[in-house]
Amino acid sequence: MYKVLETGGQLTQKDLIRETSLPSRKVRYALNRLKDEQFLIERHYFIDARQSLYGLITRKPEVIAV
């Protein structure tokens, strides 16, 4: 799921199901796991208010001082 979002940008749950060919339950589970681990951002999909757009949170790499 992470790789699909990484290459596909922001997608709806229906788009993710289509892209991965996974059942909707597995897609929801993966989205919840990514959201719990703070890798995922969920936004309103204004074209269809019943859906949400999912995308990855872009993080800057942490710099470690030596």
N, C-alpha and C. Protein backbone atom coordinates (compact mmCIF):
# COMPACT_ATOMS: atom_id res chain seq x y z
N MET A 1 0.82 -1.18 0.00
CA MET A 1 0.00 0.00 0.00
C MET A 1 0.87 1.25 0.00
N TYR A 2 1.94 1.21 0.80
CA TYR A 2 2.85 2.35 0.88
C TYR A 2 3.43 2.66 -0.50
N LYS A 3 3.88 1.64 -1.20
CA LYS A 3 4.48 1.83 -2.53
C LYS A 3 3.48 2.38 -3.53
N VAL A 4 2.25 1.92 -3.47
CA VAL A 4 1.22 2.42 -4.39
C VAL A 4 0.98 3.90 -4.14
N LEU A 5 0.89 4.30 -2.88
CA LEU A 5 0.70 5.71 -2.56
C LEU A 5 1.94 6.53 -2.89
N GLU A 6 3.09 5.91 -2.75
CA GLU A 6 4.34 6.61 -3.05
C GLU A 6 4.43 6.95 -4.54
N THR A 7 4.01 6.02 -5.38
CA THR A 7 4.10 6.24 -6.82
C THR A 7 2.86 6.90 -7.40
N GLY A 8 1.70 6.67 -6.77
CA GLY A 8 0.45 7.17 -7.33
C GLY A 8 -0.01 8.49 -6.78
N GLY A 9 0.64 8.99 -5.75
CA GLY A 9 0.21 10.24 -5.15
C GLY A 9 -1.02 10.04 -4.29
N GLN A 10 -1.92 11.01 -4.27
CA GLN A 10 -3.13 10.92 -3.47
C GLN A 10 -4.19 10.13 -4.22
N LEU A 11 -4.75 9.13 -3.54
CA LEU A 11 -5.74 8.26 -4.15
C LEU A 11 -6.91 8.04 -3.20
N THR A 12 -8.07 7.72 -3.76
CA THR A 12 -9.21 7.35 -2.94
C THR A 12 -9.11 5.86 -2.61
N GLN A 13 -9.95 5.41 -1.69
CA GLN A 13 -9.95 4.00 -1.34
C GLN A 13 -10.33 3.15 -2.55
N LYS A 14 -11.27 3.61 -3.35
CA LYS A 14 -11.64 2.87 -4.57
C LYS A 14 -10.47 2.76 -5.53
N ASP A 15 -9.70 3.84 -5.66
CA ASP A 15 -8.51 3.81 -6.53
C ASP A 15 -7.49 2.81 -6.01
N LEU A 16 -7.31 2.77 -4.69
CA LEU A 16 -6.35 1.84 -4.10
C LEU A 16 -6.78 0.40 -4.29
N ILE A 17 -8.07 0.14 -4.17
CA ILE A 17 -8.58 -1.21 -4.40
C ILE A 17 -8.33 -1.62 -5.85
N ARG A 18 -8.59 -0.71 -6.76
CA ARG A 18 -8.38 -0.98 -8.19
C ARG A 18 -6.90 -1.21 -8.49
N GLU A 19 -6.03 -0.38 -7.93
CA GLU A 19 -4.59 -0.48 -8.21
C GLU A 19 -3.96 -1.74 -7.63
N THR A 20 -4.40 -2.14 -6.43
CA THR A 20 -3.77 -3.27 -5.74
C THR A 20 -4.47 -4.60 -5.96
N SER A 21 -5.71 -4.56 -6.43
CA SER A 21 -6.54 -5.77 -6.58
C SER A 21 -6.75 -6.48 -5.24
N LEU A 22 -6.68 -5.74 -4.15
CA LEU A 22 -6.92 -6.30 -2.82
C LEU A 22 -8.38 -6.07 -2.43
N PRO A 23 -8.90 -6.93 -1.55
CA PRO A 23 -10.26 -6.70 -1.04
C PRO A 23 -10.33 -5.40 -0.23
N SER A 24 -11.51 -4.81 -0.19
CA SER A 24 -11.67 -3.53 0.49
C SER A 24 -11.29 -3.62 1.97
N ARG A 25 -11.55 -4.74 2.61
CA ARG A 25 -11.21 -4.90 4.02
C ARG A 25 -9.70 -4.79 4.24
N LYS A 26 -8.91 -5.40 3.37
CA LYS A 26 -7.45 -5.33 3.50
C LYS A 26 -6.92 -3.93 3.23
N VAL A 27 -7.54 -3.24 2.28
CA VAL A 27 -7.14 -1.86 1.99
C VAL A 27 -7.43 -0.98 3.19
N ARG A 28 -8.63 -1.11 3.78
CA ARG A 28 -8.97 -0.33 4.97
C ARG A 28 -8.01 -0.61 6.12
N TYR A 29 -7.67 -1.89 6.31
CA TYR A 29 -6.74 -2.27 7.37
C TYR A 29 -5.38 -1.62 7.14
N ALA A 30 -4.89 -1.69 5.92
CA ALA A 30 -3.58 -1.11 5.60
C ALA A 30 -3.60 0.41 5.79
N LEU A 31 -4.68 1.06 5.38
CA LEU A 31 -4.79 2.51 5.56
C LEU A 31 -4.81 2.88 7.04
N ASN A 32 -5.54 2.11 7.84
CA ASN A 32 -5.57 2.38 9.28
C ASN A 32 -4.21 2.18 9.92
N ARG A 33 -3.49 1.15 9.50
CA ARG A 33 -2.14 0.93 10.04
C ARG A 33 -1.20 2.07 9.68
N LEU A 34 -1.25 2.51 8.43
CA LEU A 34 -0.41 3.63 8.00
C LEU A 34 -0.78 4.91 8.73
N LYS A 35 -2.07 5.11 8.97
CA LYS A 35 -2.51 6.30 9.69
C LYS A 35 -2.06 6.24 11.15
N ASP A 36 -2.17 5.06 11.78
CA ASP A 36 -1.73 4.89 13.17
C ASP A 36 -0.24 5.16 13.33
N GLU A 37 0.54 4.78 12.33
CA GLU A 37 1.99 4.98 12.38
C GLU A 37 2.40 6.35 11.86
N GLN A 38 1.43 7.19 11.55
CA GLN A 38 1.62 8.57 11.11
C GLN A 38 2.40 8.68 9.79
N PHE A 39 2.10 7.76 8.87
CA PHE A 39 2.65 7.82 7.52
C PHE A 39 1.63 8.36 6.53
N LEU A 40 0.38 8.46 6.96
CA LEU A 40 -0.72 8.72 6.04
C LEU A 40 -1.48 9.97 6.45
N ILE A 41 -1.89 10.72 5.45
CA ILE A 41 -2.77 11.87 5.67
C ILE A 41 -4.06 11.61 4.91
N GLU A 42 -5.18 11.94 5.56
CA GLU A 42 -6.50 11.75 4.97
C GLU A 42 -7.12 13.13 4.75
N ARG A 43 -7.56 13.38 3.53
CA ARG A 43 -8.15 14.67 3.18
C ARG A 43 -9.53 14.46 2.58
N HIS A 44 -10.33 15.52 2.61
CA HIS A 44 -11.65 15.46 1.99
C HIS A 44 -11.49 15.44 0.47
N TYR A 45 -12.31 14.65 -0.17
CA TYR A 45 -12.34 14.56 -1.62
C TYR A 45 -13.55 15.36 -2.09
N PHE A 46 -13.31 16.58 -2.54
CA PHE A 46 -14.39 17.51 -2.83
C PHE A 46 -15.23 17.11 -4.03
N ILE A 47 -14.70 16.30 -4.92
CA ILE A 47 -15.47 15.84 -6.07
C ILE A 47 -16.60 14.90 -5.62
N ASP A 48 -16.31 14.06 -4.63
CA ASP A 48 -17.31 13.14 -4.07
C ASP A 48 -17.15 13.16 -2.56
N ALA A 49 -18.03 13.85 -1.87
CA ALA A 49 -17.91 14.05 -0.42
C ALA A 49 -18.01 12.75 0.37
N ARG A 50 -18.43 11.67 -0.25
CA ARG A 50 -18.52 10.38 0.45
C ARG A 50 -17.16 9.71 0.58
N GLN A 51 -16.18 10.18 -0.16
CA GLN A 51 -14.86 9.55 -0.18
C GLN A 51 -13.81 10.47 0.43
N SER A 52 -12.67 9.89 0.70
CA SER A 52 -11.51 10.65 1.19
C SER A 52 -10.34 10.39 0.27
N LEU A 53 -9.41 11.33 0.25
CA LEU A 53 -8.14 11.15 -0.47
C LEU A 53 -7.08 10.76 0.54
N TYR A 54 -6.27 9.79 0.19
CA TYR A 54 -5.20 9.34 1.06
C TYR A 54 -3.87 9.61 0.39
N GLY A 55 -2.93 10.10 1.15
CA GLY A 55 -1.59 10.36 0.64
C GLY A 55 -0.57 10.18 1.75
N LEU A 56 0.67 10.08 1.37
CA LEU A 56 1.73 9.90 2.35
C LEU A 56 2.17 11.24 2.91
N ILE A 57 2.52 11.24 4.17
CA ILE A 57 3.07 12.43 4.80
C ILE A 57 4.54 12.50 4.41
N THR A 58 4.93 13.60 3.83
CA THR A 58 6.32 13.76 3.43
C THR A 58 7.10 14.29 4.62
N ARG A 59 8.13 13.59 4.96
CA ARG A 59 8.98 13.97 6.09
C ARG A 59 10.38 14.25 5.59
N LYS A 60 10.98 15.25 6.18
CA LYS A 60 12.37 15.52 5.87
C LYS A 60 13.23 14.54 6.65
N PRO A 61 14.30 14.06 6.05
CA PRO A 61 15.17 13.13 6.79
C PRO A 61 15.77 13.82 8.01
N GLU A 62 15.83 13.07 9.09
CA GLU A 62 16.40 13.62 10.31
C GLU A 62 17.91 13.70 10.19
N VAL A 63 18.46 14.82 10.63
CA VAL A 63 19.91 15.02 10.59
C VAL A 63 20.45 14.71 11.97
N ILE A 64 21.43 13.85 12.00
CA ILE A 64 22.04 13.47 13.27
C ILE A 64 23.38 14.18 13.38
N ALA A 65 23.53 14.96 14.44
CA ALA A 65 24.79 15.67 14.67
C ALA A 65 25.83 14.70 15.20
N VAL A 66 27.03 14.82 14.66
CA VAL A 66 28.11 13.92 15.09
C VAL A 66 29.09 14.69 15.93
